[in-house]
Amino acid sequence: MTATRESDSLHDRVCAFLAAAHSAANPINRNDSYESLALSVAQFQASHVEGYARLCRARAADGESAATFPAVPTDAFKRARVSAFSEGETPIVFRTSGTTVGARGAHWFRHTNSYDSGAIAFGARHLRLLSSRFPV
């Protein structure tokens, strides 16, 4: 499977997981556990992002569970392009506010499907919680 197809498949799984969180009282998608999904995403990133692969090797991430994969230090996004895809394949760039000292960080995306799904799922969930606590 190509990196693009694998990435699209992972985005579809993330979006399905988030949709389950949005639509159900119990936000667990029984077809794809959080651990399984997080592990798949981490494995994809370790396979397709060279800098992240080096970090995983340096931290001896064994790949057995999502918890064994290290978080990327925020400074990495200020110093290097952290992406599985070329600049031409990632037209969307989120930049940090630049309120800290030094360069602004950047995070490159092919699309924002997962971010959109997450914003809708968790925004709706928390707005429902707020509206039940503070009726108009």
N, C-alpha and C. Protein backbone atom coordinates (compact mmCIF):
# COMPACT_ATOMS: atom_id res chain seq x y z
N MET A 1 0.85 -1.18 0.00
CA MET A 1 0.00 0.00 0.00
C MET A 1 0.90 1.24 0.00
N THR A 2 0.55 2.22 -0.81
CA THR A 2 1.34 3.44 -0.86
C THR A 2 1.14 4.25 0.42
N ALA A 3 2.07 5.16 0.69
CA ALA A 3 1.95 6.01 1.88
C ALA A 3 0.67 6.84 1.83
N THR A 4 0.31 7.32 0.65
CA THR A 4 -0.91 8.13 0.52
C THR A 4 -2.14 7.30 0.85
N ARG A 5 -2.22 6.10 0.30
CA ARG A 5 -3.38 5.24 0.58
C ARG A 5 -3.42 4.83 2.04
N GLU A 6 -2.26 4.53 2.61
CA GLU A 6 -2.20 4.15 4.03
C GLU A 6 -2.63 5.34 4.90
N SER A 7 -2.15 6.52 4.55
CA SER A 7 -2.53 7.73 5.29
C SER A 7 -4.04 7.98 5.19
N ASP A 8 -4.58 7.86 3.98
CA ASP A 8 -6.02 8.07 3.80
C ASP A 8 -6.83 7.06 4.62
N SER A 9 -6.37 5.82 4.64
CA SER A 9 -7.05 4.79 5.43
C SER A 9 -7.01 5.13 6.92
N LEU A 10 -5.87 5.61 7.39
CA LEU A 10 -5.76 6.01 8.80
C LEU A 10 -6.67 7.20 9.10
N HIS A 11 -6.71 8.18 8.20
CA HIS A 11 -7.61 9.32 8.40
C HIS A 11 -9.06 8.85 8.46
N ASP A 12 -9.43 7.92 7.59
CA ASP A 12 -10.80 7.38 7.61
C ASP A 12 -11.10 6.72 8.95
N ARG A 13 -10.15 5.96 9.47
CA ARG A 13 -10.33 5.30 10.78
C ARG A 13 -10.46 6.33 11.89
N VAL A 14 -9.63 7.37 11.85
CA VAL A 14 -9.71 8.43 12.86
C VAL A 14 -11.07 9.12 12.79
N CYS A 15 -11.50 9.45 11.59
CA CYS A 15 -12.79 10.13 11.43
C CYS A 15 -13.95 9.25 11.91
N ALA A 16 -13.90 7.95 11.63
CA ALA A 16 -14.94 7.03 12.11
C ALA A 16 -14.94 6.95 13.63
N PHE A 17 -13.75 6.91 14.21
CA PHE A 17 -13.63 6.87 15.66
C PHE A 17 -14.23 8.14 16.27
N LEU A 18 -13.91 9.28 15.68
CA LEU A 18 -14.43 10.55 16.18
C LEU A 18 -15.93 10.68 15.97
N ALA A 19 -16.43 10.17 14.85
CA ALA A 19 -17.87 10.20 14.59
C ALA A 19 -18.61 9.39 15.64
N ALA A 20 -18.03 8.26 16.04
CA ALA A 20 -18.64 7.45 17.10
C ALA A 20 -18.68 8.24 18.40
N ALA A 21 -17.63 9.00 18.67
CA ALA A 21 -17.60 9.82 19.88
C ALA A 21 -18.66 10.90 19.82
N HIS A 22 -18.92 11.42 18.64
CA HIS A 22 -19.89 12.49 18.46
C HIS A 22 -21.32 11.98 18.57
N SER A 23 -21.58 10.78 18.03
CA SER A 23 -22.96 10.33 17.91
C SER A 23 -23.46 9.47 19.06
N ALA A 24 -22.58 8.92 19.85
CA ALA A 24 -23.00 7.97 20.88
C ALA A 24 -22.76 8.52 22.29
N ALA A 25 -23.57 8.05 23.21
CA ALA A 25 -23.35 8.43 24.61
C ALA A 25 -22.04 7.86 25.11
N ASN A 26 -21.71 6.65 24.65
CA ASN A 26 -20.42 6.04 24.98
C ASN A 26 -19.52 6.24 23.77
N PRO A 27 -18.45 7.08 23.88
CA PRO A 27 -17.68 7.45 22.72
C PRO A 27 -16.68 6.42 22.20
N ILE A 28 -16.81 5.19 22.61
CA ILE A 28 -15.86 4.17 22.16
C ILE A 28 -16.38 3.50 20.91
N ASN A 29 -15.57 3.53 19.86
CA ASN A 29 -15.91 2.85 18.62
C ASN A 29 -15.51 1.39 18.79
N ARG A 30 -16.47 0.51 18.84
CA ARG A 30 -16.20 -0.91 19.08
C ARG A 30 -15.43 -1.56 17.94
N ASN A 31 -15.45 -0.96 16.75
CA ASN A 31 -14.75 -1.54 15.61
C ASN A 31 -13.26 -1.20 15.60
N ASP A 32 -12.85 -0.20 16.35
CA ASP A 32 -11.46 0.24 16.32
C ASP A 32 -11.15 0.87 17.68
N SER A 33 -10.40 0.16 18.50
CA SER A 33 -10.09 0.70 19.81
C SER A 33 -9.11 1.86 19.68
N TYR A 34 -9.09 2.72 20.68
CA TYR A 34 -8.16 3.84 20.69
C TYR A 34 -6.73 3.32 20.60
N GLU A 35 -6.40 2.29 21.36
CA GLU A 35 -5.03 1.74 21.36
C GLU A 35 -4.64 1.26 19.97
N SER A 36 -5.52 0.52 19.32
CA SER A 36 -5.23 0.01 17.98
C SER A 36 -5.03 1.16 16.99
N LEU A 37 -5.86 2.14 17.06
CA LEU A 37 -5.77 3.29 16.16
C LEU A 37 -4.50 4.10 16.43
N ALA A 38 -4.22 4.39 17.70
CA ALA A 38 -3.02 5.15 18.06
C ALA A 38 -1.75 4.40 17.65
N LEU A 39 -1.75 3.10 17.83
CA LEU A 39 -0.59 2.29 17.43
C LEU A 39 -0.40 2.35 15.91
N SER A 40 -1.47 2.24 15.17
CA SER A 40 -1.38 2.30 13.70
C SER A 40 -0.84 3.65 13.23
N VAL A 41 -1.31 4.73 13.84
CA VAL A 41 -0.85 6.07 13.48
C VAL A 41 0.64 6.22 13.81
N ALA A 42 1.04 5.79 14.99
CA ALA A 42 2.45 5.90 15.40
C ALA A 42 3.34 5.06 14.49
N GLN A 43 2.89 3.86 14.14
CA GLN A 43 3.68 3.01 13.25
C GLN A 43 3.82 3.63 11.86
N PHE A 44 2.75 4.24 11.37
CA PHE A 44 2.81 4.92 10.08
C PHE A 44 3.83 6.06 10.14
N GLN A 45 3.75 6.87 11.18
CA GLN A 45 4.67 8.00 11.30
C GLN A 45 6.11 7.53 11.43
N ALA A 46 6.34 6.48 12.18
CA ALA A 46 7.70 5.96 12.34
C ALA A 46 8.22 5.38 11.02
N SER A 47 7.34 4.90 10.17
CA SER A 47 7.74 4.34 8.88
C SER A 47 7.94 5.40 7.80
N HIS A 48 7.26 6.53 7.91
CA HIS A 48 7.24 7.49 6.81
C HIS A 48 7.81 8.87 7.13
N VAL A 49 8.16 9.12 8.38
CA VAL A 49 8.75 10.41 8.76
C VAL A 49 10.15 10.11 9.28
N GLU A 50 11.16 10.39 8.47
CA GLU A 50 12.53 9.99 8.82
C GLU A 50 12.99 10.54 10.16
N GLY A 51 12.71 11.79 10.43
CA GLY A 51 13.10 12.37 11.72
C GLY A 51 12.45 11.66 12.89
N TYR A 52 11.18 11.29 12.72
CA TYR A 52 10.49 10.57 13.78
C TYR A 52 11.05 9.16 13.93
N ALA A 53 11.41 8.54 12.83
CA ALA A 53 12.03 7.21 12.88
C ALA A 53 13.32 7.26 13.69
N ARG A 54 14.13 8.31 13.46
CA ARG A 54 15.38 8.46 14.24
C ARG A 54 15.07 8.65 15.73
N LEU A 55 14.05 9.45 16.04
CA LEU A 55 13.67 9.66 17.44
C LEU A 55 13.23 8.34 18.07
N CYS A 56 12.46 7.55 17.35
CA CYS A 56 12.00 6.25 17.87
C CYS A 56 13.18 5.32 18.13
N ARG A 57 14.14 5.30 17.20
CA ARG A 57 15.32 4.46 17.42
C ARG A 57 16.12 4.96 18.62
N ALA A 58 16.28 6.26 18.75
CA ALA A 58 17.05 6.83 19.87
C ALA A 58 16.38 6.54 21.21
N ARG A 59 15.06 6.50 21.22
CA ARG A 59 14.32 6.25 22.46
C ARG A 59 13.96 4.78 22.62
N ALA A 60 14.44 3.95 21.73
CA ALA A 60 14.21 2.51 21.77
C ALA A 60 12.73 2.15 21.83
N ALA A 61 11.92 2.82 21.02
CA ALA A 61 10.50 2.50 20.93
C ALA A 61 10.36 1.12 20.32
N ASP A 62 9.70 0.22 21.01
CA ASP A 62 9.62 -1.16 20.53
C ASP A 62 8.45 -1.40 19.59
N GLY A 63 7.53 -0.46 19.49
CA GLY A 63 6.40 -0.61 18.58
C GLY A 63 5.33 -1.57 19.04
N GLU A 64 5.44 -2.06 20.26
CA GLU A 64 4.48 -3.03 20.79
C GLU A 64 3.15 -2.37 21.19
N SER A 65 3.22 -1.13 21.64
CA SER A 65 2.01 -0.40 22.04
C SER A 65 2.21 1.07 21.72
N ALA A 66 1.11 1.80 21.63
CA ALA A 66 1.20 3.23 21.32
C ALA A 66 2.01 3.97 22.37
N ALA A 67 1.93 3.53 23.61
CA ALA A 67 2.64 4.22 24.71
C ALA A 67 4.16 4.14 24.56
N THR A 68 4.68 3.20 23.79
CA THR A 68 6.13 3.09 23.64
C THR A 68 6.69 4.11 22.66
N PHE A 69 5.82 4.72 21.84
CA PHE A 69 6.29 5.70 20.87
C PHE A 69 6.45 7.06 21.55
N PRO A 70 7.57 7.73 21.31
CA PRO A 70 7.80 9.02 21.98
C PRO A 70 7.01 10.15 21.32
N ALA A 71 6.70 11.16 22.12
CA ALA A 71 6.10 12.38 21.59
C ALA A 71 7.19 13.19 20.89
N VAL A 72 6.83 13.91 19.88
CA VAL A 72 7.78 14.76 19.18
C VAL A 72 7.92 16.06 19.97
N PRO A 73 9.14 16.44 20.34
CA PRO A 73 9.32 17.71 21.06
C PRO A 73 8.83 18.88 20.22
N THR A 74 8.17 19.84 20.84
CA THR A 74 7.61 20.96 20.10
C THR A 74 8.67 21.75 19.34
N ASP A 75 9.88 21.80 19.85
CA ASP A 75 10.94 22.51 19.14
C ASP A 75 11.25 21.89 17.78
N ALA A 76 10.97 20.62 17.60
CA ALA A 76 11.23 19.97 16.32
C ALA A 76 10.44 20.65 15.21
N PHE A 77 9.23 21.10 15.51
CA PHE A 77 8.39 21.75 14.51
C PHE A 77 8.89 23.15 14.16
N LYS A 78 9.78 23.69 14.99
CA LYS A 78 10.40 24.98 14.71
C LYS A 78 11.67 24.82 13.90
N ARG A 79 12.30 23.66 14.01
CA ARG A 79 13.63 23.47 13.42
C ARG A 79 13.64 22.64 12.14
N ALA A 80 12.60 21.85 11.93
CA ALA A 80 12.60 20.96 10.77
C ALA A 80 11.18 20.78 10.25
N ARG A 81 11.09 20.35 9.03
CA ARG A 81 9.79 20.02 8.46
C ARG A 81 9.47 18.59 8.86
N VAL A 82 8.44 18.42 9.67
CA VAL A 82 8.05 17.10 10.17
C VAL A 82 6.81 16.68 9.40
N SER A 83 7.00 15.80 8.42
CA SER A 83 5.89 15.40 7.57
C SER A 83 6.23 14.11 6.85
N ALA A 84 5.21 13.32 6.58
CA ALA A 84 5.40 12.09 5.82
C ALA A 84 5.35 12.35 4.32
N PHE A 85 4.96 13.54 3.92
CA PHE A 85 4.75 13.85 2.52
C PHE A 85 5.54 15.09 2.12
N SER A 86 5.79 15.21 0.82
CA SER A 86 6.54 16.36 0.30
C SER A 86 5.75 17.65 0.46
N GLU A 87 6.45 18.75 0.32
CA GLU A 87 5.79 20.05 0.44
C GLU A 87 4.68 20.21 -0.60
N GLY A 88 4.89 19.69 -1.80
CA GLY A 88 3.87 19.78 -2.84
C GLY A 88 2.61 18.99 -2.52
N GLU A 89 2.73 17.98 -1.67
CA GLU A 89 1.58 17.15 -1.29
C GLU A 89 0.90 17.63 -0.01
N THR A 90 1.43 18.68 0.61
CA THR A 90 0.90 19.17 1.88
C THR A 90 0.62 20.67 1.77
N PRO A 91 -0.50 21.03 1.16
CA PRO A 91 -0.78 22.44 0.90
C PRO A 91 -1.22 23.24 2.13
N ILE A 92 -1.54 22.58 3.22
CA ILE A 92 -2.07 23.27 4.40
C ILE A 92 -0.99 23.29 5.48
N VAL A 93 -0.72 24.47 6.01
CA VAL A 93 0.29 24.62 7.05
C VAL A 93 -0.33 25.36 8.23
N PHE A 94 -0.29 24.72 9.41
CA PHE A 94 -0.67 25.40 10.64
C PHE A 94 0.61 25.91 11.27
N ARG A 95 0.64 27.17 11.63
CA ARG A 95 1.81 27.75 12.27
C ARG A 95 1.48 28.14 13.70
N THR A 96 2.47 27.99 14.57
CA THR A 96 2.28 28.40 15.95
C THR A 96 2.18 29.92 16.00
N SER A 97 1.72 30.43 17.11
CA SER A 97 1.50 31.87 17.24
C SER A 97 2.79 32.66 17.25
N GLY A 98 3.89 32.04 17.62
CA GLY A 98 5.15 32.76 17.67
C GLY A 98 5.32 33.58 18.93
N THR A 99 4.51 33.27 19.94
CA THR A 99 4.60 34.05 21.18
C THR A 99 5.79 33.64 22.04
N THR A 100 6.38 32.51 21.76
CA THR A 100 7.59 32.11 22.49
C THR A 100 8.80 32.61 21.72
N VAL A 101 9.92 32.55 22.35
CA VAL A 101 11.15 33.03 21.75
C VAL A 101 11.56 32.13 20.59
N GLY A 102 12.04 32.72 19.52
CA GLY A 102 12.56 31.94 18.40
C GLY A 102 11.59 31.82 17.26
N ALA A 103 11.88 30.88 16.39
CA ALA A 103 11.09 30.67 15.18
C ALA A 103 9.70 30.12 15.50
N ARG A 104 8.77 30.36 14.60
CA ARG A 104 7.44 29.79 14.72
C ARG A 104 7.48 28.34 14.26
N GLY A 105 6.73 27.49 14.91
CA GLY A 105 6.62 26.11 14.49
C GLY A 105 5.63 25.97 13.35
N ALA A 106 5.75 24.90 12.58
CA ALA A 106 4.84 24.64 11.47
C ALA A 106 4.49 23.17 11.43
N HIS A 107 3.24 22.89 11.12
CA HIS A 107 2.76 21.52 11.00
C HIS A 107 2.08 21.41 9.64
N TRP A 108 2.57 20.53 8.79
CA TRP A 108 2.12 20.41 7.40
C TRP A 108 1.06 19.31 7.25
N PHE A 109 0.02 19.58 6.44
CA PHE A 109 -1.09 18.64 6.25
C PHE A 109 -1.45 18.49 4.78
N ARG A 110 -1.85 17.28 4.41
CA ARG A 110 -2.42 17.06 3.07
C ARG A 110 -3.86 17.53 3.04
N HIS A 111 -4.58 17.34 4.14
CA HIS A 111 -5.96 17.80 4.28
C HIS A 111 -6.27 17.89 5.77
N THR A 112 -7.42 18.42 6.10
CA THR A 112 -7.76 18.62 7.52
C THR A 112 -8.94 17.75 7.97
N ASN A 113 -9.22 16.66 7.27
CA ASN A 113 -10.37 15.82 7.60
C ASN A 113 -10.40 15.41 9.07
N SER A 114 -9.28 14.93 9.58
CA SER A 114 -9.24 14.47 10.98
C SER A 114 -9.44 15.63 11.94
N TYR A 115 -8.80 16.76 11.65
CA TYR A 115 -8.98 17.93 12.52
C TYR A 115 -10.43 18.40 12.51
N ASP A 116 -11.03 18.46 11.32
CA ASP A 116 -12.43 18.88 11.22
C ASP A 116 -13.33 17.93 12.01
N SER A 117 -13.13 16.63 11.83
CA SER A 117 -13.94 15.63 12.54
C SER A 117 -13.77 15.76 14.05
N GLY A 118 -12.53 15.97 14.50
CA GLY A 118 -12.27 16.14 15.93
C GLY A 118 -12.92 17.38 16.49
N ALA A 119 -12.83 18.48 15.78
CA ALA A 119 -13.44 19.73 16.24
C ALA A 119 -14.95 19.58 16.36
N ILE A 120 -15.57 18.95 15.37
CA ILE A 120 -17.02 18.76 15.39
C ILE A 120 -17.43 17.81 16.51
N ALA A 121 -16.74 16.67 16.61
CA ALA A 121 -17.10 15.66 17.62
C ALA A 121 -16.97 16.20 19.03
N PHE A 122 -15.82 16.75 19.34
CA PHE A 122 -15.60 17.18 20.72
C PHE A 122 -16.25 18.53 21.01
N GLY A 123 -16.35 19.39 20.01
CA GLY A 123 -17.07 20.64 20.20
C GLY A 123 -18.53 20.38 20.50
N ALA A 124 -19.16 19.53 19.70
CA ALA A 124 -20.58 19.21 19.91
C ALA A 124 -20.80 18.54 21.26
N ARG A 125 -19.93 17.63 21.60
CA ARG A 125 -20.06 16.92 22.88
C ARG A 125 -19.99 17.89 24.06
N HIS A 126 -19.03 18.79 24.03
CA HIS A 126 -18.87 19.72 25.14
C HIS A 126 -19.92 20.81 25.14
N LEU A 127 -20.39 21.20 23.97
CA LEU A 127 -21.48 22.17 23.92
C LEU A 127 -22.76 21.56 24.48
N ARG A 128 -23.01 20.27 24.20
CA ARG A 128 -24.18 19.61 24.80
C ARG A 128 -24.05 19.57 26.31
N LEU A 129 -22.85 19.26 26.80
CA LEU A 129 -22.63 19.23 28.26
C LEU A 129 -22.86 20.62 28.86
N LEU A 130 -22.35 21.64 28.21
CA LEU A 130 -22.54 23.01 28.71
C LEU A 130 -24.00 23.41 28.68
N SER A 131 -24.70 23.08 27.59
CA SER A 131 -26.11 23.49 27.49
C SER A 131 -26.97 22.77 28.51
N SER A 132 -26.57 21.56 28.92
CA SER A 132 -27.36 20.86 29.93
C SER A 132 -27.09 21.45 31.32
N ARG A 133 -25.93 22.03 31.51
CA ARG A 133 -25.60 22.64 32.81
C ARG A 133 -26.08 24.09 32.91
N PHE A 134 -26.12 24.75 31.76
CA PHE A 134 -26.49 26.17 31.73
C PHE A 134 -27.58 26.40 30.69
N PRO A 135 -28.81 25.97 30.99
CA PRO A 135 -29.89 26.13 30.01
C PRO A 135 -30.15 27.61 29.74
N VAL A 136 -30.53 27.87 28.51
CA VAL A 136 -30.79 29.26 28.09
C VAL A 136 -32.16 29.69 28.52
